[in-house]
N, C-alpha and C. Protein backbone atom coordinates (compact mmCIF):
# COMPACT_ATOMS: atom_id res chain seq x y z
N UNK A 1 -17.51 -2.99 -11.73
CA UNK A 1 -16.78 -2.32 -11.99
C UNK A 1 -17.35 -1.13 -13.02
N UNK A 2 -17.39 0.20 -12.64
CA UNK A 2 -17.69 1.49 -13.50
C UNK A 2 -17.27 1.46 -14.60
N UNK A 3 -17.68 1.88 -15.58
CA UNK A 3 -16.89 2.15 -16.46
C UNK A 3 -17.69 3.57 -17.33
N UNK A 4 -16.85 4.53 -17.30
CA UNK A 4 -17.38 5.95 -18.21
C UNK A 4 -17.21 6.03 -19.86
N UNK A 5 -17.34 6.89 -19.94
CA UNK A 5 -17.66 7.13 -21.78
C UNK A 5 -16.13 6.95 -22.33
N UNK A 6 -15.41 6.60 -22.94
CA UNK A 6 -14.02 6.44 -23.16
C UNK A 6 -13.84 7.62 -23.76
N UNK A 7 -12.38 8.00 -23.61
CA UNK A 7 -11.99 9.24 -24.43
C UNK A 7 -11.27 9.16 -25.08
N UNK A 8 -11.30 9.52 -26.39
CA UNK A 8 -10.18 9.21 -27.61
C UNK A 8 -9.70 10.37 -28.04
N UNK A 9 -8.23 10.32 -27.85
CA UNK A 9 -7.26 11.42 -27.74
C UNK A 9 -7.93 12.42 -29.45
N UNK A 10 -7.65 13.91 -29.21
CA UNK A 10 -8.23 14.80 -29.95
C UNK A 10 -6.75 14.08 -31.54
N UNK A 11 -7.80 14.45 -32.22
CA UNK A 11 -6.66 14.22 -34.15
C UNK A 11 -6.95 15.69 -34.57
N UNK A 12 -5.80 16.05 -35.25
CA UNK A 12 -5.47 17.50 -36.09
C UNK A 12 -5.55 16.94 -37.45
N UNK A 13 -6.87 17.93 -37.89
CA UNK A 13 -7.12 17.77 -39.69
C UNK A 13 -5.64 18.91 -39.92
N UNK A 14 -5.44 18.49 -41.12
CA UNK A 14 -4.55 19.54 -41.54
C UNK A 14 -4.60 19.85 -42.87
N UNK A 15 -3.92 20.80 -44.23
CA UNK A 15 -4.45 20.95 -45.66
C UNK A 15 -2.88 21.70 -46.05
N UNK A 16 -2.01 21.53 -46.30
CA UNK A 16 -1.43 21.92 -47.18
C UNK A 16 -1.69 22.48 -48.54
N UNK A 17 -1.38 23.95 -49.04
CA UNK A 17 -2.08 24.29 -50.15
C UNK A 17 -1.36 24.97 -50.72
N UNK A 18 -0.71 24.96 -51.99
CA UNK A 18 0.41 25.86 -52.57
C UNK A 18 -0.51 26.39 -54.03
N UNK A 19 0.63 27.69 -54.01
CA UNK A 19 0.38 28.40 -55.18
C UNK A 19 -1.03 28.91 -55.24
N UNK A 20 -1.40 29.15 -54.03
CA UNK A 20 -3.16 29.51 -53.80
C UNK A 20 -3.13 30.86 -54.67
N UNK A 21 -2.96 32.10 -54.54
CA UNK A 21 -2.82 33.37 -54.99
C UNK A 21 -2.78 32.64 -56.98
N UNK A 22 -1.56 32.36 -57.18
CA UNK A 22 -1.53 32.30 -58.50
C UNK A 22 -2.77 31.44 -58.81
N UNK A 23 -3.39 30.35 -58.23
CA UNK A 23 -4.87 29.86 -58.85
C UNK A 23 -5.79 30.51 -58.86
N UNK A 24 -5.70 31.43 -58.11
CA UNK A 24 -6.69 32.38 -57.79
C UNK A 24 -6.97 33.47 -59.26
N UNK A 25 -5.61 33.85 -59.60
CA UNK A 25 -5.68 34.38 -60.82
C UNK A 25 -5.73 33.44 -61.89
N UNK A 26 -6.27 32.43 -61.97
CA UNK A 26 -6.65 31.53 -63.55
C UNK A 26 -5.30 30.81 -63.49
N UNK A 27 -4.12 30.70 -62.96
CA UNK A 27 -3.03 30.10 -63.12
C UNK A 27 -3.01 28.86 -63.04
N UNK A 28 -2.38 27.82 -63.40
CA UNK A 28 -2.19 26.48 -63.13
C UNK A 28 -1.05 26.56 -61.82
N UNK A 29 -1.16 25.69 -61.20
CA UNK A 29 -0.42 25.63 -59.57
C UNK A 29 1.07 25.05 -60.49
N UNK A 30 2.37 25.56 -59.97
CA UNK A 30 3.45 25.12 -60.49
C UNK A 30 4.24 23.88 -59.41
N UNK A 31 3.49 23.58 -58.47
CA UNK A 31 4.25 22.26 -58.03
C UNK A 31 2.80 20.88 -57.80
N UNK A 32 3.25 19.99 -57.39
CA UNK A 32 2.43 18.67 -57.66
C UNK A 32 2.90 17.99 -55.69
N UNK A 33 2.06 17.83 -54.51
CA UNK A 33 2.72 17.24 -53.96
C UNK A 33 2.42 15.66 -54.29
N UNK A 34 3.64 14.97 -53.50
CA UNK A 34 4.03 13.71 -53.68
C UNK A 34 3.40 13.04 -52.68
N UNK A 35 2.40 11.87 -52.55
CA UNK A 35 1.84 11.35 -51.54
C UNK A 35 0.64 11.54 -51.05
N UNK A 36 0.01 12.56 -51.89
CA UNK A 36 -1.25 12.86 -51.20
C UNK A 36 -2.18 12.20 -51.90
N UNK A 37 -3.57 12.51 -51.45
CA UNK A 37 -4.83 10.90 -51.22
C UNK A 37 -5.65 11.60 -52.32
N UNK A 38 -6.05 10.24 -53.07
CA UNK A 38 -6.60 10.47 -54.36
C UNK A 38 -7.51 11.61 -54.55
N UNK A 39 -8.47 11.73 -53.18
CA UNK A 39 -9.45 12.93 -53.08
C UNK A 39 -8.78 14.11 -53.24
N UNK A 40 -7.08 14.18 -53.21
CA UNK A 40 -6.80 15.65 -53.11
C UNK A 40 -6.48 16.37 -54.27
N UNK A 41 -6.80 17.64 -54.58
CA UNK A 41 -6.15 17.97 -56.02
C UNK A 41 -4.36 17.87 -55.73
N UNK A 42 -3.73 18.23 -57.19
CA UNK A 42 -2.39 18.12 -56.76
C UNK A 42 -2.33 19.65 -56.54
N UNK A 43 -2.46 20.12 -56.04
CA UNK A 43 -1.60 21.62 -55.50
C UNK A 43 -1.86 21.48 -53.74
N UNK A 44 -2.55 20.11 -53.19
CA UNK A 44 -3.18 20.12 -51.93
C UNK A 44 -2.46 18.98 -51.48
N UNK A 45 -2.19 18.85 -50.09
CA UNK A 45 -2.21 17.38 -49.42
C UNK A 45 -2.17 17.69 -48.24
N UNK A 46 -3.37 16.62 -47.60
CA UNK A 46 -4.07 16.71 -46.46
C UNK A 46 -3.59 15.22 -45.74
N UNK A 47 -4.04 15.59 -44.39
CA UNK A 47 -4.05 14.15 -43.21
C UNK A 47 -4.24 14.48 -42.08
N UNK A 48 -4.24 13.64 -40.92
CA UNK A 48 -4.57 13.80 -39.83
C UNK A 48 -3.35 13.33 -38.61
N UNK A 49 -3.57 13.41 -37.83
CA UNK A 49 -2.42 13.40 -36.57
C UNK A 49 -2.83 13.11 -35.60
N UNK A 50 -2.93 11.95 -34.52
CA UNK A 50 -3.52 12.20 -33.48
C UNK A 50 -2.89 13.01 -32.38
N UNK A 51 -3.49 12.82 -31.34
CA UNK A 51 -2.40 14.18 -30.54
C UNK A 51 -2.51 13.11 -28.99
N UNK A 52 -1.70 11.71 -28.71
CA UNK A 52 -2.03 11.45 -27.45
C UNK A 52 -2.09 12.07 -26.23
N UNK A 53 -1.65 13.03 -26.02
CA UNK A 53 -1.25 13.80 -24.56
C UNK A 53 -1.31 15.52 -25.27
N UNK A 54 -1.23 16.10 -24.11
CA UNK A 54 -1.35 17.50 -24.34
C UNK A 54 0.21 17.63 -24.29
N UNK A 55 0.98 18.49 -25.03
CA UNK A 55 2.14 19.05 -25.00
C UNK A 55 2.99 17.83 -26.26
N UNK A 56 2.23 16.83 -26.60
CA UNK A 56 2.84 15.63 -27.35
C UNK A 56 3.53 16.41 -28.56
N UNK A 57 4.28 16.10 -29.00
CA UNK A 57 4.98 16.60 -29.99
C UNK A 57 4.83 15.29 -31.33
N UNK A 58 4.49 16.05 -32.98
CA UNK A 58 4.46 14.84 -34.11
C UNK A 58 4.89 15.58 -35.15
N UNK A 59 5.66 14.93 -35.69
CA UNK A 59 6.36 15.49 -36.99
C UNK A 59 5.47 14.97 -38.19
N UNK A 60 5.28 16.15 -39.32
CA UNK A 60 4.41 15.47 -40.68
C UNK A 60 4.93 15.42 -41.99
N UNK A 61 5.32 15.38 -42.63
CA UNK A 61 6.18 15.48 -43.97
C UNK A 61 5.18 15.22 -45.58
N UNK A 62 5.25 16.94 -45.92
CA UNK A 62 4.96 17.22 -47.21
C UNK A 62 5.49 17.65 -48.46
N UNK A 63 5.60 16.94 -49.47
CA UNK A 63 6.48 16.80 -50.29
C UNK A 63 5.84 16.80 -51.39
N UNK A 64 6.33 18.31 -52.39
CA UNK A 64 6.05 18.74 -53.56
C UNK A 64 7.05 19.01 -54.62
N UNK A 65 7.12 18.61 -55.80
CA UNK A 65 8.11 18.90 -56.27
C UNK A 65 7.48 19.81 -57.54
N UNK A 66 8.32 20.37 -58.27
CA UNK A 66 8.08 21.39 -59.73
C UNK A 66 7.17 20.69 -60.43
N UNK A 67 6.56 21.53 -61.36
CA UNK A 67 6.00 20.40 -62.57
C UNK A 67 6.76 20.65 -63.88
N UNK A 68 7.03 19.76 -64.90
CA UNK A 68 8.31 20.05 -65.32
C UNK A 68 8.14 21.44 -66.84
N UNK A 69 6.60 22.01 -67.27
CA UNK A 69 6.19 22.92 -67.49
C UNK A 69 6.58 23.80 -67.30
N UNK A 70 6.87 24.47 -66.17
CA UNK A 70 6.66 25.93 -65.32
C UNK A 70 8.08 26.58 -66.21
N UNK A 71 7.16 27.90 -66.78
CA UNK A 71 7.79 28.64 -66.90
C UNK A 71 8.46 29.83 -65.73
N UNK A 72 7.57 29.97 -64.77
CA UNK A 72 7.90 31.29 -63.85
C UNK A 72 8.91 30.44 -62.78
N UNK A 73 9.88 30.15 -62.66
CA UNK A 73 10.77 29.61 -61.87
C UNK A 73 11.81 30.95 -61.02
N UNK A 74 11.33 31.67 -60.48
CA UNK A 74 12.40 32.84 -60.20
C UNK A 74 11.00 32.93 -58.95
N UNK A 75 9.74 33.42 -59.02
CA UNK A 75 8.93 34.03 -57.93
C UNK A 75 8.86 32.58 -56.69
N UNK A 76 8.52 33.15 -55.39
CA UNK A 76 8.22 32.71 -54.49
C UNK A 76 7.35 31.17 -54.95
N UNK A 77 6.91 30.44 -54.57
CA UNK A 77 5.65 29.48 -54.52
C UNK A 77 5.23 29.18 -52.66
N UNK A 78 3.98 30.18 -52.35
CA UNK A 78 3.49 30.17 -51.34
C UNK A 78 2.98 28.83 -51.06
N UNK A 79 2.62 28.69 -49.72
CA UNK A 79 2.57 27.62 -49.44
C UNK A 79 1.51 27.97 -48.08
N UNK A 80 0.31 27.41 -47.79
CA UNK A 80 -0.41 27.90 -46.34
C UNK A 80 -0.51 26.45 -45.90
N UNK A 81 -0.93 26.24 -44.77
CA UNK A 81 -1.32 25.36 -44.08
C UNK A 81 -2.63 25.53 -43.24
N UNK A 82 -3.71 25.10 -43.31
CA UNK A 82 -4.36 25.46 -42.93
C UNK A 82 -5.18 23.99 -41.63
N UNK A 83 -5.42 24.10 -40.51
CA UNK A 83 -5.30 22.77 -40.12
C UNK A 83 -6.89 23.19 -38.43
N UNK A 84 -7.19 22.02 -38.23
CA UNK A 84 -8.34 22.59 -36.80
C UNK A 84 -8.11 21.20 -35.95
N UNK A 85 -8.62 20.82 -34.85
CA UNK A 85 -9.29 19.62 -34.60
C UNK A 85 -10.58 18.77 -35.04
N UNK A 86 -9.99 17.82 -35.09
CA UNK A 86 -11.19 17.15 -35.88
C UNK A 86 -12.71 17.09 -34.79
N UNK A 87 -13.76 17.58 -35.41
CA UNK A 87 -14.79 17.40 -34.67
C UNK A 87 -15.16 18.60 -34.08
N UNK A 88 -14.47 19.79 -34.29
CA UNK A 88 -14.10 20.74 -33.20
C UNK A 88 -15.21 21.77 -34.03
N UNK A 89 -16.00 21.23 -35.17
CA UNK A 89 -16.98 22.39 -35.59
C UNK A 89 -16.24 22.78 -36.96
N UNK A 90 -16.58 24.52 -37.17
CA UNK A 90 -15.60 24.62 -38.22
C UNK A 90 -14.39 25.90 -37.57
N UNK A 91 -13.81 25.56 -36.60
CA UNK A 91 -12.56 26.07 -36.19
C UNK A 91 -11.64 26.21 -37.12
N UNK A 92 -11.47 26.69 -37.93
CA UNK A 92 -9.95 26.36 -38.68
C UNK A 92 -8.99 27.72 -38.66
N UNK A 93 -7.85 26.98 -38.43
CA UNK A 93 -6.63 28.29 -38.55
C UNK A 93 -5.92 27.77 -39.47
N UNK A 94 -5.32 28.91 -39.82
CA UNK A 94 -4.24 29.36 -41.18
C UNK A 94 -3.33 29.66 -41.15
N UNK A 95 -2.33 29.18 -41.64
CA UNK A 95 -1.01 29.66 -41.32
C UNK A 95 -0.12 30.02 -43.27
N UNK A 96 0.48 30.80 -43.45
CA UNK A 96 1.00 31.03 -44.59
C UNK A 96 2.76 30.57 -44.32
N UNK A 97 3.21 30.27 -45.64
CA UNK A 97 4.36 30.19 -45.41
C UNK A 97 4.89 30.10 -47.42
N UNK A 98 6.33 30.62 -47.47
CA UNK A 98 6.70 30.84 -48.68
C UNK A 98 8.28 29.61 -49.25
N UNK A 99 8.49 29.21 -49.60
CA UNK A 99 8.95 28.17 -50.25
C UNK A 99 9.80 28.32 -51.61
N UNK A 100 10.86 28.58 -52.28
CA UNK A 100 11.70 29.02 -53.28
C UNK A 100 11.16 27.96 -54.08
N UNK A 101 11.52 26.41 -53.53
CA UNK A 101 11.87 25.50 -54.16
C UNK A 101 11.20 24.36 -53.77
N UNK A 102 11.24 23.07 -54.64
CA UNK A 102 10.34 21.71 -53.78
C UNK A 102 11.17 21.64 -52.42
N UNK A 103 10.46 20.94 -51.62
CA UNK A 103 10.44 20.84 -50.20
C UNK A 103 9.43 20.49 -49.39
N UNK A 104 9.82 19.92 -48.34
CA UNK A 104 8.71 19.92 -47.24
C UNK A 104 8.87 20.90 -46.72
N UNK A 105 7.50 21.14 -45.73
CA UNK A 105 7.52 22.65 -44.88
C UNK A 105 6.56 21.99 -43.88
N UNK A 106 7.35 22.48 -42.75
CA UNK A 106 7.22 22.16 -41.02
C UNK A 106 6.37 23.67 -40.47
N UNK A 107 5.51 23.70 -39.70
CA UNK A 107 5.61 25.06 -38.67
C UNK A 107 5.46 24.31 -37.60
N UNK A 108 6.11 24.90 -36.77
CA UNK A 108 6.23 25.20 -35.22
C UNK A 108 5.86 26.08 -34.53
N UNK A 109 4.56 26.14 -34.16
CA UNK A 109 4.54 27.69 -32.78
C UNK A 109 4.17 28.75 -33.45
N UNK A 110 3.75 28.66 -34.90
CA UNK A 110 3.79 29.64 -36.03
C UNK A 110 4.99 30.54 -36.08
N UNK A 111 5.91 29.59 -36.36
CA UNK A 111 7.39 30.37 -36.27
C UNK A 111 7.39 30.23 -37.79
N UNK A 112 8.09 31.06 -38.30
CA UNK A 112 8.47 31.58 -39.34
C UNK A 112 9.27 30.53 -40.18
N UNK A 113 9.14 30.21 -41.73
CA UNK A 113 10.47 29.25 -42.17
C UNK A 113 11.22 30.31 -42.88
N UNK A 114 12.93 29.78 -42.88
CA UNK A 114 13.61 30.39 -43.12
C UNK A 114 13.78 29.92 -44.92
N UNK A 115 14.22 31.24 -45.76
CA UNK A 115 13.81 32.06 -46.88
C UNK A 115 15.09 30.36 -47.82
N UNK A 116 14.80 30.06 -48.78
CA UNK A 116 15.25 28.87 -49.16
C UNK A 116 15.71 29.82 -51.07
N UNK A 117 16.93 29.44 -50.91
CA UNK A 117 17.24 29.76 -52.88
C UNK A 117 16.52 29.14 -53.81
N UNK A 118 16.51 30.11 -54.99
CA UNK A 118 15.72 29.27 -56.20
C UNK A 118 17.33 28.10 -56.67
N UNK A 119 16.29 27.27 -56.84
CA UNK A 119 17.03 26.24 -57.62
C UNK A 119 16.63 25.78 -58.99
N UNK A 120 17.72 26.20 -60.06
CA UNK A 120 16.98 26.48 -60.86
C UNK A 120 17.76 25.38 -62.02
């Protein structure tokens, strides 16, 4: 029998990043992702998803919580998503989303997330 190279399914790498602009201005992030990798800073959540076939759907959940000590509770908390195919070089795409309270973020075909009301 003749065996060709084994083709592994592509793997999507992704990183959620919260409060990027605030951190760029020197402020502490207002949220911390739960269940993140030990190597991820508290304001980031990264993981991978195996894509077994074309047009296959996969859902991921990333949950963050507000820090107890935050003072700015009214401004939106921006969450960005960077993603790329593992091993595809430097190709990485980015999407932005805004969440007003703690919760999970999902991106599907570049759809915008609906606005959420602040929780005080």
